[in-house]
Amino acid sequence: MGRGRQKAKDAKIARQLKYTNHGGDLRELERELTSREASAPTHTADDSDEYYDRWADDED
């Protein structure tokens, strides 16, 4: 397949992807994202203090 034909084919596919409604369920996506946030571990101040204390003595 020549370069012109491939470019036209790629443009056709890109147009289809851009203008076709894929039927995404936005509410389902929202539920998935909020459930990940609730189950994700949170960063605590104790974690950063541990690293700071380890490296603080190196400058002395």
N, C-alpha and C. Protein backbone atom coordinates (compact mmCIF):
# COMPACT_ATOMS: atom_id res chain seq x y z
N MET A 1 0.85 -1.17 0.00
CA MET A 1 0.00 0.00 0.00
C MET A 1 0.90 1.24 0.00
N GLY A 2 0.59 2.20 -0.86
CA GLY A 2 1.39 3.42 -0.94
C GLY A 2 1.16 4.33 0.24
N ARG A 3 2.05 5.32 0.35
CA ARG A 3 1.95 6.25 1.49
C ARG A 3 0.67 7.06 1.46
N GLY A 4 0.23 7.45 0.28
CA GLY A 4 -1.01 8.22 0.16
C GLY A 4 -2.23 7.42 0.57
N ARG A 5 -2.24 6.16 0.19
CA ARG A 5 -3.37 5.30 0.56
C ARG A 5 -3.38 5.05 2.06
N GLN A 6 -2.22 4.83 2.64
CA GLN A 6 -2.14 4.58 4.08
C GLN A 6 -2.56 5.82 4.86
N LYS A 7 -2.12 6.99 4.39
CA LYS A 7 -2.50 8.23 5.06
C LYS A 7 -4.01 8.45 5.00
N ALA A 8 -4.60 8.17 3.85
CA ALA A 8 -6.06 8.31 3.70
C ALA A 8 -6.79 7.33 4.61
N LYS A 9 -6.26 6.12 4.71
CA LYS A 9 -6.88 5.12 5.58
C LYS A 9 -6.79 5.55 7.04
N ASP A 10 -5.62 6.07 7.44
CA ASP A 10 -5.44 6.55 8.81
C ASP A 10 -6.38 7.72 9.11
N ALA A 11 -6.53 8.63 8.14
CA ALA A 11 -7.42 9.77 8.32
C ALA A 11 -8.86 9.31 8.47
N LYS A 12 -9.24 8.30 7.68
CA LYS A 12 -10.60 7.77 7.76
C LYS A 12 -10.87 7.17 9.14
N ILE A 13 -9.92 6.39 9.64
CA ILE A 13 -10.07 5.78 10.96
C ILE A 13 -10.12 6.84 12.05
N ALA A 14 -9.26 7.85 11.94
CA ALA A 14 -9.26 8.92 12.93
C ALA A 14 -10.58 9.67 12.94
N ARG A 15 -11.13 9.91 11.76
CA ARG A 15 -12.43 10.58 11.66
C ARG A 15 -13.53 9.75 12.30
N GLN A 16 -13.50 8.44 12.06
CA GLN A 16 -14.50 7.56 12.67
C GLN A 16 -14.40 7.58 14.19
N LEU A 17 -13.18 7.54 14.70
CA LEU A 17 -13.01 7.56 16.15
C LEU A 17 -13.45 8.89 16.75
N LYS A 18 -13.20 9.98 16.04
CA LYS A 18 -13.53 11.30 16.55
C LYS A 18 -15.04 11.55 16.58
N TYR A 19 -15.73 11.14 15.54
CA TYR A 19 -17.14 11.50 15.41
C TYR A 19 -18.12 10.40 15.79
N THR A 20 -17.65 9.22 16.13
CA THR A 20 -18.54 8.14 16.50
C THR A 20 -18.79 8.17 18.00
N ASN A 21 -20.06 8.02 18.37
CA ASN A 21 -20.41 7.95 19.78
C ASN A 21 -20.12 6.53 20.26
N HIS A 22 -19.21 6.40 21.18
CA HIS A 22 -18.82 5.08 21.65
C HIS A 22 -19.70 4.58 22.79
N GLY A 23 -20.64 5.38 23.21
CA GLY A 23 -21.58 4.95 24.23
C GLY A 23 -20.95 4.76 25.60
N GLY A 24 -19.98 5.58 25.92
CA GLY A 24 -19.34 5.47 27.22
C GLY A 24 -20.28 5.85 28.34
N ASP A 25 -20.30 5.07 29.38
CA ASP A 25 -21.16 5.34 30.53
C ASP A 25 -20.39 6.21 31.51
N LEU A 26 -20.67 7.49 31.51
CA LEU A 26 -19.92 8.42 32.36
C LEU A 26 -20.18 8.17 33.84
N ARG A 27 -21.37 7.75 34.19
CA ARG A 27 -21.66 7.46 35.60
C ARG A 27 -20.84 6.26 36.09
N GLU A 28 -20.69 5.26 35.24
CA GLU A 28 -19.88 4.09 35.59
C GLU A 28 -18.42 4.50 35.77
N LEU A 29 -17.94 5.36 34.90
CA LEU A 29 -16.57 5.86 35.02
C LEU A 29 -16.39 6.64 36.32
N GLU A 30 -17.35 7.46 36.66
CA GLU A 30 -17.29 8.22 37.90
C GLU A 30 -17.25 7.29 39.11
N ARG A 31 -18.09 6.26 39.10
CA ARG A 31 -18.08 5.29 40.21
C ARG A 31 -16.74 4.58 40.32
N GLU A 32 -16.16 4.22 39.19
CA GLU A 32 -14.88 3.52 39.19
C GLU A 32 -13.78 4.42 39.76
N LEU A 33 -13.77 5.67 39.34
CA LEU A 33 -12.73 6.58 39.82
C LEU A 33 -12.88 6.90 41.30
N THR A 34 -14.11 7.08 41.77
CA THR A 34 -14.30 7.37 43.18
C THR A 34 -13.99 6.16 44.05
N SER A 35 -14.24 4.97 43.55
CA SER A 35 -13.91 3.78 44.34
C SER A 35 -12.41 3.59 44.43
N ARG A 36 -11.67 3.97 43.41
CA ARG A 36 -10.21 3.89 43.46
C ARG A 36 -9.65 4.88 44.47
N GLU A 37 -10.22 6.09 44.51
CA GLU A 37 -9.75 7.10 45.46
C GLU A 37 -9.99 6.64 46.89
N ALA A 38 -11.10 6.00 47.14
CA ALA A 38 -11.42 5.55 48.49
C ALA A 38 -10.50 4.41 48.93
N SER A 39 -10.09 3.56 47.99
CA SER A 39 -9.25 2.42 48.36
C SER A 39 -7.77 2.71 48.25
N ALA A 40 -7.40 3.85 47.67
CA ALA A 40 -5.98 4.19 47.50
C ALA A 40 -5.37 4.58 48.85
N PRO A 41 -4.14 4.14 49.10
CA PRO A 41 -3.50 4.53 50.35
C PRO A 41 -3.20 6.03 50.36
N THR A 42 -3.33 6.60 51.51
CA THR A 42 -3.07 8.04 51.63
C THR A 42 -1.66 8.26 52.15
N HIS A 43 -1.09 9.37 51.78
CA HIS A 43 0.25 9.73 52.22
C HIS A 43 0.14 10.38 53.60
N THR A 44 0.95 9.92 54.51
CA THR A 44 0.91 10.48 55.86
C THR A 44 2.18 11.29 56.10
N ALA A 45 2.13 12.16 57.06
CA ALA A 45 3.28 12.98 57.40
C ALA A 45 4.40 12.12 57.99
N ASP A 46 4.06 11.00 58.61
CA ASP A 46 5.06 10.13 59.20
C ASP A 46 6.02 9.57 58.16
N ASP A 47 5.51 9.25 56.97
CA ASP A 47 6.35 8.71 55.91
C ASP A 47 7.41 9.72 55.49
N SER A 48 7.02 10.97 55.29
CA SER A 48 7.99 11.97 54.85
C SER A 48 8.97 12.31 55.96
N ASP A 49 8.54 12.26 57.22
CA ASP A 49 9.45 12.54 58.33
C ASP A 49 10.53 11.47 58.43
N GLU A 50 10.19 10.25 58.12
CA GLU A 50 11.16 9.16 58.18
C GLU A 50 12.31 9.42 57.20
N TYR A 51 11.97 9.82 55.98
CA TYR A 51 13.00 10.07 54.98
C TYR A 51 13.79 11.33 55.32
N TYR A 52 13.14 12.33 55.83
CA TYR A 52 13.83 13.56 56.18
C TYR A 52 14.85 13.28 57.28
N ASP A 53 14.45 12.54 58.28
CA ASP A 53 15.37 12.25 59.39
C ASP A 53 16.56 11.43 58.91
N ARG A 54 16.37 10.55 58.00
CA ARG A 54 17.46 9.71 57.52
C ARG A 54 18.50 10.55 56.79
N TRP A 55 18.06 11.52 56.00
CA TRP A 55 18.99 12.30 55.20
C TRP A 55 19.43 13.61 55.88
N ALA A 56 18.84 13.99 56.98
CA ALA A 56 19.17 15.24 57.64
C ALA A 56 20.58 15.23 58.21
N ASP A 57 21.05 14.08 58.67
CA ASP A 57 22.38 14.00 59.28
C ASP A 57 23.52 14.07 58.27
N ASP A 58 23.25 13.84 56.99
CA ASP A 58 24.28 13.84 55.98
C ASP A 58 24.90 15.20 55.77
N GLU A 59 24.19 16.28 56.04
CA GLU A 59 24.71 17.62 55.79
C GLU A 59 25.64 18.09 56.91
N ASP A 60 25.62 17.47 58.06
CA ASP A 60 26.43 17.92 59.20
C ASP A 60 27.87 17.58 59.03
